[in-house]
C-alpha atoms as a PDB file:
ATOM      1  CA  MET A   1    -102.943   5.427  46.388  1.00  0.00           C
ATOM      2  CA  SER A   2    -104.958   3.793  48.548  1.00  0.00           C
ATOM      3  CA  ILE A   3    -105.719   0.648  46.386  1.00  0.00           C
ATOM      4  CA  TYR A   4    -102.432  -0.440  46.746  1.00  0.00           C
ATOM      5  CA  TYR A   5    -102.947  -0.587  50.178  1.00  0.00           C
ATOM      6  CA  GLN A   6    -105.834  -2.654  49.619  1.00  0.00           C
ATOM      7  CA  PHE A   7    -103.975  -5.034  47.404  1.00  0.00           C
ATOM      8  CA  GLY A   8    -101.510  -5.399  50.408  1.00  0.00           C
ATOM      9  CA  ILE A   9    -104.093  -6.515  52.917  1.00  0.00           C
ATOM     10  CA  ILE A  10    -105.470  -9.145  50.323  1.00  0.00           C
ATOM     11  CA  ILE A  11    -101.752 -10.493  49.841  1.00  0.00           C
ATOM     12  CA  GLY A  12    -101.805  -9.957  53.825  1.00  0.00           C
ATOM     13  CA  LEU A  13    -104.811 -12.425  53.882  1.00  0.00           C
ATOM     14  CA  VAL A  14    -103.957 -14.447  51.361  1.00  0.00           C
ATOM     15  CA  LEU A  15    -100.659 -15.409  53.078  1.00  0.00           C
ATOM     16  CA  LEU A  16    -102.443 -15.718  56.591  1.00  0.00           C
ATOM     17  CA  ALA A  17    -104.645 -18.807  55.246  1.00  0.00           C
ATOM     18  CA  PHE A  18    -101.509 -20.057  53.513  1.00  0.00           C
ATOM     19  CA  ALA A  19    -100.437 -20.209  56.939  1.00  0.00           C
ATOM     20  CA  ILE A  20    -103.259 -21.573  58.279  1.00  0.00           C
ATOM     21  CA  HIS A  21    -103.266 -24.741  55.480  1.00  0.00           C
ATOM     22  CA  ILE A  22     -99.720 -25.391  56.571  1.00  0.00           C
ATOM     23  CA  ALA A  23    -100.413 -25.803  60.257  1.00  0.00           C
ATOM     24  CA  MET A  24    -103.606 -27.543  59.401  1.00  0.00           C
ATOM     25  CA  LYS A  25    -101.544 -29.730  57.098  1.00  0.00           C
ATOM     26  CA  GLN A  26     -98.938 -30.501  59.494  1.00  0.00           C
ATOM     27  CA  HIS A  27    -100.425 -33.754  61.391  1.00  0.00           C
ATOM     28  CA  LYS A  28     -99.671 -36.068  58.681  1.00  0.00           C
ATOM     29  CA  THR A  29     -96.030 -35.503  58.547  1.00  0.00           C
ATOM     30  CA  THR A  30     -93.406 -37.029  60.932  1.00  0.00           C
ATOM     31  CA  PHE A  31     -92.263 -35.155  64.581  1.00  0.00           C
ATOM     32  CA  PRO A  32     -88.938 -33.354  62.686  1.00  0.00           C
ATOM     33  CA  PHE A  33     -91.167 -31.777  59.663  1.00  0.00           C
ATOM     34  CA  ASN A  34     -93.902 -30.953  62.426  1.00  0.00           C
ATOM     35  CA  ILE A  35     -91.202 -28.791  63.747  1.00  0.00           C
ATOM     36  CA  VAL A  36     -90.636 -27.507  60.581  1.00  0.00           C
ATOM     37  CA  ASN A  37     -93.883 -26.763  58.830  1.00  0.00           C
ATOM     38  CA  LEU A  38     -95.198 -24.590  62.807  1.00  0.00           C
ATOM     39  CA  GLY A  39     -92.425 -22.257  62.664  1.00  0.00           C
ATOM     40  CA  ILE A  40     -92.932 -21.506  58.959  1.00  0.00           C
ATOM     41  CA  ALA A  41     -96.678 -20.914  59.258  1.00  0.00           C
ATOM     42  CA  PHE A  42     -95.916 -19.030  62.516  1.00  0.00           C
ATOM     43  CA  ILE A  43     -93.252 -17.051  60.592  1.00  0.00           C
ATOM     44  CA  ILE A  44     -95.563 -16.511  57.887  1.00  0.00           C
ATOM     45  CA  SER A  45     -98.748 -15.516  59.815  1.00  0.00           C
ATOM     46  CA  THR A  46     -96.359 -13.238  61.662  1.00  0.00           C
ATOM     47  CA  LEU A  47     -95.353 -11.592  58.450  1.00  0.00           C
ATOM     48  CA  ALA A  48     -98.936 -11.476  57.348  1.00  0.00           C
ATOM     49  CA  ILE A  49    -100.416  -9.769  60.525  1.00  0.00           C
ATOM     50  CA  TYR A  50     -97.557  -7.062  60.437  1.00  0.00           C
ATOM     51  CA  ILE A  51     -98.878  -6.481  56.831  1.00  0.00           C
ATOM     52  CA  ILE A  52    -102.004  -6.122  57.706  1.00  0.00           C
ATOM     53  CA  VAL A  53    -101.008  -3.630  60.449  1.00  0.00           C
ATOM     54  CA  ALA A  54     -98.887  -1.241  58.123  1.00  0.00           C
ATOM     55  CA  CYS A  55    -101.897  -1.212  55.579  1.00  0.00           C
ATOM     56  CA  LEU A  56    -104.648  -0.614  57.946  1.00  0.00           C
ATOM     57  CA  GLY A  57    -102.467   1.916  59.671  1.00  0.00           C
ATOM     58  CA  ALA A  58    -101.221   3.658  56.127  1.00  0.00           C
ATOM     59  CA  ILE A  59    -104.962   3.684  54.741  1.00  0.00           C
ATOM     60  CA  GLN A  60    -105.552   6.066  57.853  1.00  0.00           C
ATOM     61  CA  PRO A  61    -102.777   7.597  59.474  1.00  0.00           C
ATOM     62  CA  GLN A  62    -105.025  10.403  60.699  1.00  0.00           C
ATOM     63  CA  ASN A  63    -106.506   7.662  63.584  1.00  0.00           C
ATOM     64  CA  TRP A  64    -106.709   7.458  67.301  1.00  0.00           C
ATOM     65  CA  TYR A  65    -104.280   4.301  67.024  1.00  0.00           C
ATOM     66  CA  THR A  66    -101.436   6.071  65.434  1.00  0.00           C
ATOM     67  CA  ASN A  67    -100.639   8.247  68.671  1.00  0.00           C
ATOM     68  CA  ASN A  68     -99.859   5.202  70.376  1.00  0.00           C
ATOM     69  CA  ALA A  69     -96.326   3.957  70.447  1.00  0.00           C
ATOM     70  CA  LEU A  70     -97.410   0.074  69.992  1.00  0.00           C
ATOM     71  CA  TRP A  71     -99.066   1.196  66.992  1.00  0.00           C
ATOM     72  CA  LYS A  72     -96.169   3.203  65.575  1.00  0.00           C
ATOM     73  CA  PHE A  73     -93.665   0.567  66.432  1.00  0.00           C
ATOM     74  CA  LEU A  74     -95.854  -2.177  64.577  1.00  0.00           C
ATOM     75  CA  ILE A  75     -96.524   0.127  61.718  1.00  0.00           C
ATOM     76  CA  ALA A  76     -92.525   0.823  61.620  1.00  0.00           C
ATOM     77  CA  SER A  77     -92.266  -2.800  61.689  1.00  0.00           C
END
């Protein structure tokens, strides 16, 4: 079962790299597209971070950070 969590972490890292790529290429576009590209990059990176945090929390649910309310909120989201 933990292989699926590792796939989730890899997918999260790929999404994060894609968001960084979008953010780095945004300086070549005109003004309205800069805001759109940065917004898309922010949404993708936030999703990637949530995927990574959820997979890390699901791999070892008995760790100390699952007792914290913030980690429970991040894992649930």
